[in-house]
Structure formats: structure tokens, C-alpha cells
């Protein structure tokens, strides 16, 4: 991991001045851009996000997304004309978002600092995880709230702030619905959530058929290989829920982390029935590509002898889709279809 550098904190006077004089986007003057029906009232709803009540008098006109996950959610909802900036792009933007994304200013190519954020004069800031709102990054939620800048964090990152028992996918869908209220695009948000719920249901249709003799097939999710060591999905990551949906068992479901570093010996000891490789080729770090991960599996003297490796019982999915995002249902579908191709579902 790269060291963090402390940024100068946003001062109330400076940010307030920027927010007052930063102006509004041209698209913000078009009421049809904010809501599904230009004749109806739009946005400005009161919603709860990660334990904080957000009261908006009107829908945001200068939203800044602090990560790729949040950016793509807003683009999926058709809200590019309400965005004043994006940050922290990890992989290429999908083709379907590319034109819309090209028109949005990049606040920071990596993690945004307070200085970079205030230069965008936002009226709403959102992120997939609360750790982007720290004093040495974009500023704390408390600091921004004191300056009347509402901050939104994905429900997936703070499940305890929501109804007990909500699955990660349901928490993700609740993000769409809350953002729909905030921006006045509730119909679009409801349609998106409905379509993704249907995709989850479809992926789970054959879950019971995956079990053999009462035993679910086990799977290791190989997310990254860094300095020669594997990083896999633990109990708290989205792949654990994906496994449950499709009728498999995460081999590392006893490790209470999202992406723990483990040893190759431990992977061999768990002896998964199949392996899911997260392809992070676009990120470009050593060990990120699917080909490099296959080579690492084949090179280890113990792991290479596993039937899953020897018999090529491997499913490749885009690595970014293994973290909660608007794209995660696509990886879930690839997992379900891959299990069929490998013969785990008949």
C-alpha cells in the first residue's frame, strides 16, 4: 500500500466562499435533468446515510464522487449533468459510460485531498467507503457537514446502520433508492434496483442443484497477488455473499476480513473445488492480470497439484466487480454460468 500524505484541511471560510461563488453547471438549470418527470417536484429529500441524516433543500447540482464505484452509480442513474467531479479511477470506465464520463472534470486521478475537493465547489459528496472521508483525505464528514456539504457513504460499508439481516446486495440496492430520492430520479433508481434484484434471483435459481451429497462446492476467490502472496476473499467481502447465492461455499469464510493476505500453503490446505480469479489487468500492478495469477497458481509446488488447478476449474471475472458496485451483478452472473460450465449445476 502507498503511504498517505497529509493534506491541508479545508477551512470553513475558504470552502464556504468557494461554494458560494463556484456557480452551478449549465445542466443544473434544466429541471428535466434532475427528475424523471420535469413537471414534478424533484429531489432535495431527507435521507439517512451511514448513520447521518442528510437534509437537502434541493437536488444536488455539483456532486463529486470520490471513487469509481460512486461515479459509475451516478452514471448508471443518468446523473452526469449533476456531477462537478470524479476521483480515484482504478480501471477503465465501461464503454456504456465513456461519453458521459468524458464530460466530467477529474478532481483527482487518485484519492482526493481536501484542497482538490474544495476546488470543485461541491454541494454533495459521495463515496463507496467512509475511509475516504478523513482529515488527510477529502476531509471528515463532520467537517464537511459543518460547511453544509452533505456526504453520502454506501450502505454496504456500514451495515450496522441499517436493518439487521440485509444482504450486501440489498444494501447496495438501498444506495440506488436513496440516491434516487436525493436527486429526484426515483423511477430510474427503482428500475435499476428491480433489474438487479432480478439478476440476483436468476443467479440463485440453481443454488440447491450445486450441492452434491449435501456438500456445497468450495471456492477460493483470488483477487490479487502482491509480492508473491495471494489475497483472497474473506468472510466480510461481497464474494462470500455471492457464494451463498449460487450455492457454493467460500473456502475462507472463517477469516473476518474483506481481502486477507494468506499463504499459498493455506490455499492448498483449503483444497477448493474451483477457483475464481479476479482479473485486474487494467489496474496494471504486478500480479494483477488473470494470466499472472494463473502462472502463480501453476508455479506453486503445492497449489499446482490441486485438482482445481490441474483440471482448470477456474472462472475469470473482472476484479473490480468483486467489490460492491453497480457492476457486481455482472460478476455474479459470470459465477453462476461458470459453475454450470464446470458441471456443478445440471
Foldseek 3Di string as FASTA:
>chain_A
DDDFDADDFDDLVLLLVCLVPVDFFPLVVQQVQQAVDSVDAFAQPWDDALRDIAGGNHAAQAEEEQDPQVVVLCVLLNNLRSYLEYEAYQFDDDPVSVVSVVVHHHLYPRFAACVSVSNSSTQEYEYAEQVSAPNRTNHHQVVVVVSNRHYHYQCLHRVVSDDPPQASLNSLLVVLCVSCNRRHYNVSSVVLSVVLVVLLLVLQPQQVLLDDPNAAFEEWEFQFQDPNWTWTAEQSFQVQVLQNSNNHHYLRPVDPDGTDTDHPVVVLVSLGPAYEYAASVRSPDPGRGPVSVLVSQCPDPRSVPRCRNVVVLYFYDHSVLRGDHSNVSVVSNSVSVSCVVVPSGD
